[in-house]
Amino acid sequence: MTRGLSDTDGADLSFTQWPRLLQCNQTVLLLEMERCGERFIIDMNRVQPDDRCNLTHFIREYHVFSFCTEMNTERVGCFWPNPVVERFIISIHKHFFSNCSLERVLFADPPDDTLTLLILIPVFLTLAMVVLVVWCSKRSDILA
């Protein structure tokens, strides 16, 4: 029973050994990001320019690009995201998606009939609830 815990088994149970930690090499990281970007550019060139603002047309390519940046960042020993990766992703977005800004939606007031209805319904419901509460409270006095 004590054999599993004896020193003769050769198992090193000490926690004094530090795991090998990678240092973040930003030069290598930037090269890896460029490799991911080159692959993404090739994939995006297959997508029609008119479809580049619709995510459903290139979601797979964007997922592969995002996964590539994340895995290569961690493989190099850096955290993801970090400023180098963020700058690279922003440059990719500026290149492909700069014309995808949404048009501003101009809100307009509803027609007067609709507006009057939207105001009067809550007012009448509130009055009806007050009347119901008062009526029920007087009725409970009669029944008690």
N, C-alpha and C. Protein backbone atom coordinates (compact mmCIF):
# COMPACT_ATOMS: atom_id res chain seq x y z
N MET A 1 0.80 -1.18 0.00
CA MET A 1 0.00 0.00 0.00
C MET A 1 0.86 1.26 0.00
N THR A 2 2.01 1.24 0.66
CA THR A 2 2.89 2.41 0.69
C THR A 2 3.86 2.40 -0.46
N ARG A 3 3.91 1.34 -1.23
CA ARG A 3 4.87 1.25 -2.33
C ARG A 3 4.63 2.36 -3.36
N GLY A 4 3.39 2.75 -3.63
CA GLY A 4 3.08 3.78 -4.61
C GLY A 4 3.62 5.14 -4.21
N LEU A 5 3.87 5.34 -2.93
CA LEU A 5 4.35 6.63 -2.46
C LEU A 5 5.83 6.62 -2.10
N SER A 6 6.51 5.49 -2.31
CA SER A 6 7.91 5.44 -1.92
C SER A 6 8.78 6.14 -2.95
N ASP A 7 9.98 6.49 -2.54
CA ASP A 7 10.92 7.20 -3.39
C ASP A 7 11.61 6.26 -4.36
N THR A 8 11.46 4.97 -4.15
CA THR A 8 12.15 4.01 -5.01
C THR A 8 11.48 3.84 -6.36
N ASP A 9 10.26 4.37 -6.53
CA ASP A 9 9.55 4.22 -7.80
C ASP A 9 10.13 5.10 -8.90
N GLY A 10 10.91 6.08 -8.53
CA GLY A 10 11.52 6.95 -9.52
C GLY A 10 10.60 8.06 -10.00
N ALA A 11 9.44 8.20 -9.42
CA ALA A 11 8.52 9.27 -9.83
C ALA A 11 8.93 10.57 -9.15
N ASP A 12 9.05 11.60 -9.92
CA ASP A 12 9.42 12.90 -9.38
C ASP A 12 8.15 13.69 -9.08
N LEU A 13 7.81 13.79 -7.81
CA LEU A 13 6.59 14.48 -7.41
C LEU A 13 6.84 15.92 -7.01
N SER A 14 8.04 16.41 -7.22
CA SER A 14 8.33 17.79 -6.80
C SER A 14 7.74 18.76 -7.80
N PHE A 15 7.35 19.90 -7.30
CA PHE A 15 6.78 20.94 -8.14
C PHE A 15 7.76 22.08 -8.34
N THR A 16 9.03 21.78 -8.24
CA THR A 16 10.04 22.83 -8.37
C THR A 16 10.46 23.03 -9.81
N GLN A 17 10.09 22.12 -10.70
CA GLN A 17 10.45 22.27 -12.10
C GLN A 17 9.45 23.21 -12.77
N TRP A 18 9.96 24.23 -13.43
CA TRP A 18 9.11 25.19 -14.13
C TRP A 18 8.89 24.73 -15.55
N PRO A 19 7.69 24.84 -16.05
CA PRO A 19 7.48 24.50 -17.46
C PRO A 19 8.20 25.51 -18.36
N ARG A 20 8.55 25.05 -19.53
CA ARG A 20 9.24 25.92 -20.48
C ARG A 20 8.26 26.99 -20.97
N LEU A 21 8.54 28.23 -20.68
CA LEU A 21 7.68 29.33 -21.09
C LEU A 21 8.22 29.96 -22.36
N LEU A 22 7.35 30.18 -23.32
CA LEU A 22 7.74 30.83 -24.56
C LEU A 22 7.69 32.34 -24.38
N GLN A 23 8.64 33.01 -24.98
CA GLN A 23 8.63 34.47 -25.00
C GLN A 23 7.93 34.92 -26.27
N CYS A 24 7.17 35.97 -26.16
CA CYS A 24 6.44 36.47 -27.31
C CYS A 24 7.40 37.20 -28.24
N ASN A 25 7.63 36.63 -29.40
CA ASN A 25 8.48 37.24 -30.40
C ASN A 25 7.57 37.93 -31.41
N GLN A 26 7.50 39.24 -31.34
CA GLN A 26 6.55 39.98 -32.17
C GLN A 26 6.92 39.96 -33.65
N THR A 27 8.18 39.81 -33.97
CA THR A 27 8.58 39.73 -35.37
C THR A 27 8.04 38.44 -36.00
N VAL A 28 8.22 37.33 -35.28
CA VAL A 28 7.70 36.05 -35.76
C VAL A 28 6.18 36.10 -35.79
N LEU A 29 5.60 36.74 -34.79
CA LEU A 29 4.15 36.87 -34.74
C LEU A 29 3.62 37.62 -35.96
N LEU A 30 4.27 38.70 -36.32
CA LEU A 30 3.82 39.47 -37.48
C LEU A 30 3.95 38.65 -38.77
N LEU A 31 5.02 37.86 -38.88
CA LEU A 31 5.17 36.99 -40.06
C LEU A 31 4.04 35.96 -40.12
N GLU A 32 3.68 35.40 -38.97
CA GLU A 32 2.58 34.43 -38.94
C GLU A 32 1.24 35.09 -39.29
N MET A 33 1.05 36.31 -38.82
CA MET A 33 -0.18 37.02 -39.15
C MET A 33 -0.26 37.30 -40.65
N GLU A 34 0.87 37.62 -41.25
CA GLU A 34 0.90 37.86 -42.69
C GLU A 34 0.57 36.59 -43.47
N ARG A 35 1.01 35.43 -42.95
CA ARG A 35 0.66 34.17 -43.60
C ARG A 35 -0.85 33.94 -43.54
N CYS A 36 -1.44 34.20 -42.37
CA CYS A 36 -2.90 34.07 -42.25
C CYS A 36 -3.60 35.05 -43.18
N GLY A 37 -3.06 36.26 -43.26
CA GLY A 37 -3.65 37.29 -44.11
C GLY A 37 -3.56 36.93 -45.58
N GLU A 38 -2.44 36.35 -46.00
CA GLU A 38 -2.30 35.95 -47.40
C GLU A 38 -3.34 34.91 -47.78
N ARG A 39 -3.55 33.96 -46.90
CA ARG A 39 -4.56 32.92 -47.14
C ARG A 39 -5.96 33.55 -47.21
N PHE A 40 -6.23 34.50 -46.29
CA PHE A 40 -7.53 35.16 -46.27
C PHE A 40 -7.74 35.99 -47.54
N ILE A 41 -6.69 36.66 -48.01
CA ILE A 41 -6.80 37.46 -49.23
C ILE A 41 -7.11 36.56 -50.43
N ILE A 42 -6.46 35.41 -50.49
CA ILE A 42 -6.75 34.47 -51.59
C ILE A 42 -8.20 34.02 -51.52
N ASP A 43 -8.67 33.69 -50.31
CA ASP A 43 -10.05 33.24 -50.15
C ASP A 43 -11.04 34.36 -50.47
N MET A 44 -10.73 35.57 -50.05
CA MET A 44 -11.66 36.69 -50.27
C MET A 44 -11.69 37.13 -51.73
N ASN A 45 -10.62 36.89 -52.48
CA ASN A 45 -10.63 37.23 -53.90
C ASN A 45 -11.59 36.35 -54.69
N ARG A 46 -11.97 35.20 -54.11
CA ARG A 46 -12.96 34.33 -54.75
C ARG A 46 -14.39 34.83 -54.51
N VAL A 47 -14.55 35.68 -53.51
CA VAL A 47 -15.88 36.22 -53.19
C VAL A 47 -16.13 37.44 -54.07
N GLN A 48 -17.30 37.53 -54.64
CA GLN A 48 -17.64 38.68 -55.47
C GLN A 48 -17.57 39.97 -54.65
N PRO A 49 -17.03 41.05 -55.18
CA PRO A 49 -16.93 42.31 -54.43
C PRO A 49 -18.26 42.82 -53.90
N ASP A 50 -19.35 42.55 -54.62
CA ASP A 50 -20.66 43.00 -54.15
C ASP A 50 -21.14 42.19 -52.94
N ASP A 51 -20.60 40.99 -52.75
CA ASP A 51 -21.02 40.12 -51.65
C ASP A 51 -20.14 40.25 -50.42
N ARG A 52 -19.14 41.10 -50.45
CA ARG A 52 -18.21 41.20 -49.33
C ARG A 52 -18.79 41.87 -48.09
N CYS A 53 -19.91 42.50 -48.22
CA CYS A 53 -20.54 43.12 -47.06
C CYS A 53 -21.58 42.21 -46.43
N ASN A 54 -21.81 41.07 -47.02
CA ASN A 54 -22.77 40.11 -46.50
C ASN A 54 -21.98 38.94 -45.91
N LEU A 55 -22.01 38.86 -44.58
CA LEU A 55 -21.19 37.88 -43.87
C LEU A 55 -21.50 36.44 -44.27
N THR A 56 -22.70 36.17 -44.70
CA THR A 56 -23.06 34.80 -45.07
C THR A 56 -22.27 34.30 -46.27
N HIS A 57 -21.72 35.21 -47.07
CA HIS A 57 -20.97 34.80 -48.26
C HIS A 57 -19.51 34.45 -47.97
N PHE A 58 -19.00 34.87 -46.81
CA PHE A 58 -17.58 34.60 -46.52
C PHE A 58 -17.35 34.21 -45.07
N ILE A 59 -18.36 33.70 -44.39
CA ILE A 59 -18.23 33.37 -42.98
C ILE A 59 -17.18 32.27 -42.76
N ARG A 60 -17.11 31.29 -43.66
CA ARG A 60 -16.13 30.22 -43.50
C ARG A 60 -14.72 30.77 -43.64
N GLU A 61 -14.49 31.61 -44.62
CA GLU A 61 -13.17 32.19 -44.83
C GLU A 61 -12.75 33.04 -43.63
N TYR A 62 -13.70 33.81 -43.09
CA TYR A 62 -13.38 34.66 -41.95
C TYR A 62 -13.11 33.82 -40.71
N HIS A 63 -13.84 32.72 -40.53
CA HIS A 63 -13.59 31.83 -39.40
C HIS A 63 -12.19 31.21 -39.50
N VAL A 64 -11.83 30.77 -40.68
CA VAL A 64 -10.49 30.19 -40.87
C VAL A 64 -9.42 31.24 -40.57
N PHE A 65 -9.62 32.46 -41.02
CA PHE A 65 -8.67 33.54 -40.75
C PHE A 65 -8.57 33.82 -39.26
N SER A 66 -9.69 33.92 -38.59
CA SER A 66 -9.69 34.19 -37.16
C SER A 66 -9.03 33.05 -36.38
N PHE A 67 -9.36 31.82 -36.75
CA PHE A 67 -8.75 30.67 -36.10
C PHE A 67 -7.25 30.63 -36.33
N CYS A 68 -6.82 30.96 -37.55
CA CYS A 68 -5.40 30.99 -37.88
C CYS A 68 -4.66 32.01 -37.01
N THR A 69 -5.23 33.20 -36.88
CA THR A 69 -4.57 34.22 -36.06
C THR A 69 -4.48 33.79 -34.61
N GLU A 70 -5.55 33.19 -34.10
CA GLU A 70 -5.55 32.77 -32.70
C GLU A 70 -4.54 31.64 -32.45
N MET A 71 -4.56 30.62 -33.28
CA MET A 71 -3.67 29.48 -33.07
C MET A 71 -2.20 29.87 -33.25
N ASN A 72 -1.91 30.65 -34.27
CA ASN A 72 -0.52 31.04 -34.49
C ASN A 72 -0.01 31.99 -33.41
N THR A 73 -0.87 32.83 -32.88
CA THR A 73 -0.47 33.72 -31.79
C THR A 73 -0.09 32.90 -30.57
N GLU A 74 -0.91 31.93 -30.23
CA GLU A 74 -0.61 31.09 -29.07
C GLU A 74 0.59 30.19 -29.33
N ARG A 75 0.76 29.72 -30.55
CA ARG A 75 1.89 28.85 -30.88
C ARG A 75 3.22 29.60 -30.75
N VAL A 76 3.21 30.88 -31.10
CA VAL A 76 4.42 31.69 -31.00
C VAL A 76 4.71 32.05 -29.54
N GLY A 77 3.71 31.93 -28.68
CA GLY A 77 3.91 32.21 -27.27
C GLY A 77 3.38 33.56 -26.84
N CYS A 78 2.47 34.11 -27.62
CA CYS A 78 1.90 35.42 -27.30
C CYS A 78 0.45 35.24 -26.86
N PHE A 79 -0.07 36.27 -26.25
CA PHE A 79 -1.48 36.27 -25.89
C PHE A 79 -2.30 36.70 -27.09
N TRP A 80 -3.53 36.22 -27.13
CA TRP A 80 -4.44 36.61 -28.19
C TRP A 80 -5.68 37.18 -27.56
N PRO A 81 -6.16 38.30 -27.92
CA PRO A 81 -5.58 39.25 -28.87
C PRO A 81 -4.52 40.10 -28.19
N ASN A 82 -3.69 40.70 -28.98
CA ASN A 82 -2.68 41.63 -28.49
C ASN A 82 -2.58 42.77 -29.52
N PRO A 83 -1.87 43.84 -29.20
CA PRO A 83 -1.85 45.00 -30.10
C PRO A 83 -1.37 44.69 -31.52
N VAL A 84 -0.41 43.80 -31.67
CA VAL A 84 0.09 43.47 -33.01
C VAL A 84 -1.00 42.80 -33.83
N VAL A 85 -1.67 41.83 -33.22
CA VAL A 85 -2.74 41.11 -33.92
C VAL A 85 -3.91 42.04 -34.21
N GLU A 86 -4.25 42.88 -33.24
CA GLU A 86 -5.36 43.81 -33.45
C GLU A 86 -5.09 44.77 -34.60
N ARG A 87 -3.87 45.31 -34.67
CA ARG A 87 -3.53 46.21 -35.78
C ARG A 87 -3.62 45.47 -37.12
N PHE A 88 -3.17 44.23 -37.14
CA PHE A 88 -3.21 43.45 -38.38
C PHE A 88 -4.66 43.19 -38.80
N ILE A 89 -5.50 42.78 -37.85
CA ILE A 89 -6.89 42.51 -38.17
C ILE A 89 -7.60 43.78 -38.62
N ILE A 90 -7.30 44.89 -38.01
CA ILE A 90 -7.90 46.17 -38.42
C ILE A 90 -7.47 46.52 -39.84
N SER A 91 -6.21 46.26 -40.18
CA SER A 91 -5.76 46.56 -41.54
C SER A 91 -6.48 45.67 -42.56
N ILE A 92 -6.73 44.41 -42.19
CA ILE A 92 -7.48 43.52 -43.08
C ILE A 92 -8.91 44.04 -43.24
N HIS A 93 -9.51 44.48 -42.13
CA HIS A 93 -10.87 45.00 -42.19
C HIS A 93 -10.94 46.26 -43.04
N LYS A 94 -9.96 47.12 -42.91
CA LYS A 94 -9.96 48.34 -43.71
C LYS A 94 -9.83 48.01 -45.19
N HIS A 95 -9.07 46.98 -45.51
CA HIS A 95 -8.86 46.61 -46.90
C HIS A 95 -10.12 46.04 -47.53
N PHE A 96 -10.80 45.14 -46.82
CA PHE A 96 -11.93 44.43 -47.43
C PHE A 96 -13.29 45.01 -47.09
N PHE A 97 -13.43 45.61 -45.92
CA PHE A 97 -14.77 45.96 -45.44
C PHE A 97 -14.95 47.45 -45.22
N SER A 98 -14.12 48.29 -45.81
CA SER A 98 -14.25 49.73 -45.59
C SER A 98 -15.50 50.31 -46.24
N ASN A 99 -16.02 49.67 -47.25
CA ASN A 99 -17.21 50.17 -47.94
C ASN A 99 -18.49 49.53 -47.40
N CYS A 100 -18.42 48.87 -46.27
CA CYS A 100 -19.57 48.15 -45.74
C CYS A 100 -20.27 48.90 -44.61
N SER A 101 -20.03 50.18 -44.52
CA SER A 101 -20.69 50.92 -43.45
C SER A 101 -22.19 50.95 -43.72
N LEU A 102 -22.92 50.87 -42.65
CA LEU A 102 -24.38 50.87 -42.78
C LEU A 102 -24.88 52.27 -43.05
N GLU A 103 -25.90 52.34 -43.85
CA GLU A 103 -26.52 53.63 -44.08
C GLU A 103 -27.28 54.01 -42.82
N ARG A 104 -27.24 55.26 -42.48
CA ARG A 104 -27.95 55.72 -41.29
C ARG A 104 -29.44 55.63 -41.53
N VAL A 105 -30.11 55.04 -40.57
CA VAL A 105 -31.56 54.93 -40.65
C VAL A 105 -32.15 56.21 -40.08
N LEU A 106 -32.98 56.84 -40.86
CA LEU A 106 -33.64 58.05 -40.41
C LEU A 106 -34.98 57.66 -39.82
N PHE A 107 -35.13 57.95 -38.53
CA PHE A 107 -36.37 57.62 -37.87
C PHE A 107 -37.38 58.73 -38.11
N ALA A 108 -38.61 58.35 -38.34
CA ALA A 108 -39.68 59.32 -38.57
C ALA A 108 -40.79 59.06 -37.56
N ASP A 109 -41.49 60.09 -37.21
CA ASP A 109 -42.61 59.95 -36.30
C ASP A 109 -43.72 59.14 -36.99
N PRO A 110 -44.44 58.35 -36.19
CA PRO A 110 -45.55 57.61 -36.79
C PRO A 110 -46.68 58.57 -37.15
N PRO A 111 -47.61 58.12 -37.94
CA PRO A 111 -48.76 58.98 -38.27
C PRO A 111 -49.51 59.37 -36.98
N ASP A 112 -50.23 60.47 -37.06
CA ASP A 112 -50.92 60.99 -35.87
C ASP A 112 -51.92 60.00 -35.29
N ASP A 113 -52.64 59.28 -36.13
CA ASP A 113 -53.61 58.31 -35.63
C ASP A 113 -52.92 57.22 -34.81
N THR A 114 -51.81 56.71 -35.30
CA THR A 114 -51.06 55.67 -34.60
C THR A 114 -50.49 56.22 -33.30
N LEU A 115 -49.94 57.41 -33.34
CA LEU A 115 -49.37 58.02 -32.14
C LEU A 115 -50.44 58.23 -31.07
N THR A 116 -51.61 58.70 -31.46
CA THR A 116 -52.71 58.91 -30.51
C THR A 116 -53.12 57.59 -29.88
N LEU A 117 -53.21 56.56 -30.69
CA LEU A 117 -53.58 55.24 -30.19
C LEU A 117 -52.53 54.70 -29.22
N LEU A 118 -51.24 54.88 -29.54
CA LEU A 118 -50.17 54.40 -28.67
C LEU A 118 -50.13 55.15 -27.33
N ILE A 119 -50.63 56.36 -27.30
CA ILE A 119 -50.67 57.13 -26.05
C ILE A 119 -51.92 56.77 -25.24
N LEU A 120 -53.06 56.65 -25.90
CA LEU A 120 -54.32 56.45 -25.19
C LEU A 120 -54.48 55.04 -24.60
N ILE A 121 -53.96 54.04 -25.24
CA ILE A 121 -54.11 52.67 -24.73
C ILE A 121 -53.52 52.53 -23.33
N PRO A 122 -52.27 52.94 -23.05
CA PRO A 122 -51.76 52.82 -21.67
C PRO A 122 -52.53 53.69 -20.68
N VAL A 123 -52.99 54.86 -21.11
CA VAL A 123 -53.75 55.72 -20.20
C VAL A 123 -55.03 55.04 -19.79
N PHE A 124 -55.79 54.49 -20.73
CA PHE A 124 -57.03 53.81 -20.40
C PHE A 124 -56.80 52.53 -19.60
N LEU A 125 -55.74 51.81 -19.89
CA LEU A 125 -55.44 50.61 -19.11
C LEU A 125 -55.13 50.97 -17.65
N THR A 126 -54.40 52.05 -17.45
CA THR A 126 -54.08 52.50 -16.10
C THR A 126 -55.36 52.89 -15.36
N LEU A 127 -56.24 53.65 -16.00
CA LEU A 127 -57.50 54.04 -15.38
C LEU A 127 -58.35 52.82 -15.07
N ALA A 128 -58.40 51.86 -15.97
CA ALA A 128 -59.18 50.65 -15.74
C ALA A 128 -58.64 49.86 -14.55
N MET A 129 -57.34 49.79 -14.39
CA MET A 129 -56.75 49.07 -13.25
C MET A 129 -57.07 49.78 -11.94
N VAL A 130 -57.04 51.11 -11.93
CA VAL A 130 -57.38 51.86 -10.72
C VAL A 130 -58.83 51.61 -10.34
N VAL A 131 -59.73 51.67 -11.30
CA VAL A 131 -61.14 51.42 -11.04
C VAL A 131 -61.35 50.00 -10.53
N LEU A 132 -60.68 49.04 -11.11
CA LEU A 132 -60.80 47.64 -10.69
C LEU A 132 -60.32 47.44 -9.26
N VAL A 133 -59.21 48.05 -8.89
CA VAL A 133 -58.67 47.92 -7.54
C VAL A 133 -59.63 48.56 -6.54
N VAL A 134 -60.13 49.75 -6.83
CA VAL A 134 -61.06 50.42 -5.92
C VAL A 134 -62.33 49.61 -5.78
N TRP A 135 -62.87 49.10 -6.88
CA TRP A 135 -64.11 48.32 -6.84
C TRP A 135 -63.92 47.04 -6.02
N CYS A 136 -62.77 46.35 -6.23
CA CYS A 136 -62.51 45.10 -5.49
C CYS A 136 -62.32 45.38 -4.00
N SER A 137 -61.69 46.49 -3.66
CA SER A 137 -61.49 46.80 -2.24
C SER A 137 -62.82 47.13 -1.56
N LYS A 138 -63.72 47.79 -2.23
CA LYS A 138 -65.07 48.08 -1.65
C LYS A 138 -65.88 46.79 -1.58
N ARG A 139 -65.76 45.95 -2.53
CA ARG A 139 -66.51 44.69 -2.56
C ARG A 139 -66.04 43.77 -1.44
N SER A 140 -64.74 43.76 -1.12
CA SER A 140 -64.25 42.91 -0.03
C SER A 140 -64.77 43.39 1.31
N ASP A 141 -65.04 44.71 1.46
CA ASP A 141 -65.60 45.22 2.70
C ASP A 141 -67.03 44.72 2.89
N ILE A 142 -67.78 44.58 1.81
CA ILE A 142 -69.17 44.12 1.88
C ILE A 142 -69.21 42.64 2.23
N LEU A 143 -68.30 41.85 1.64
CA LEU A 143 -68.30 40.41 1.88
C LEU A 143 -67.74 40.04 3.24
N ALA A 144 -66.96 40.89 3.86
CA ALA A 144 -66.33 40.55 5.13
C ALA A 144 -67.22 40.68 6.30
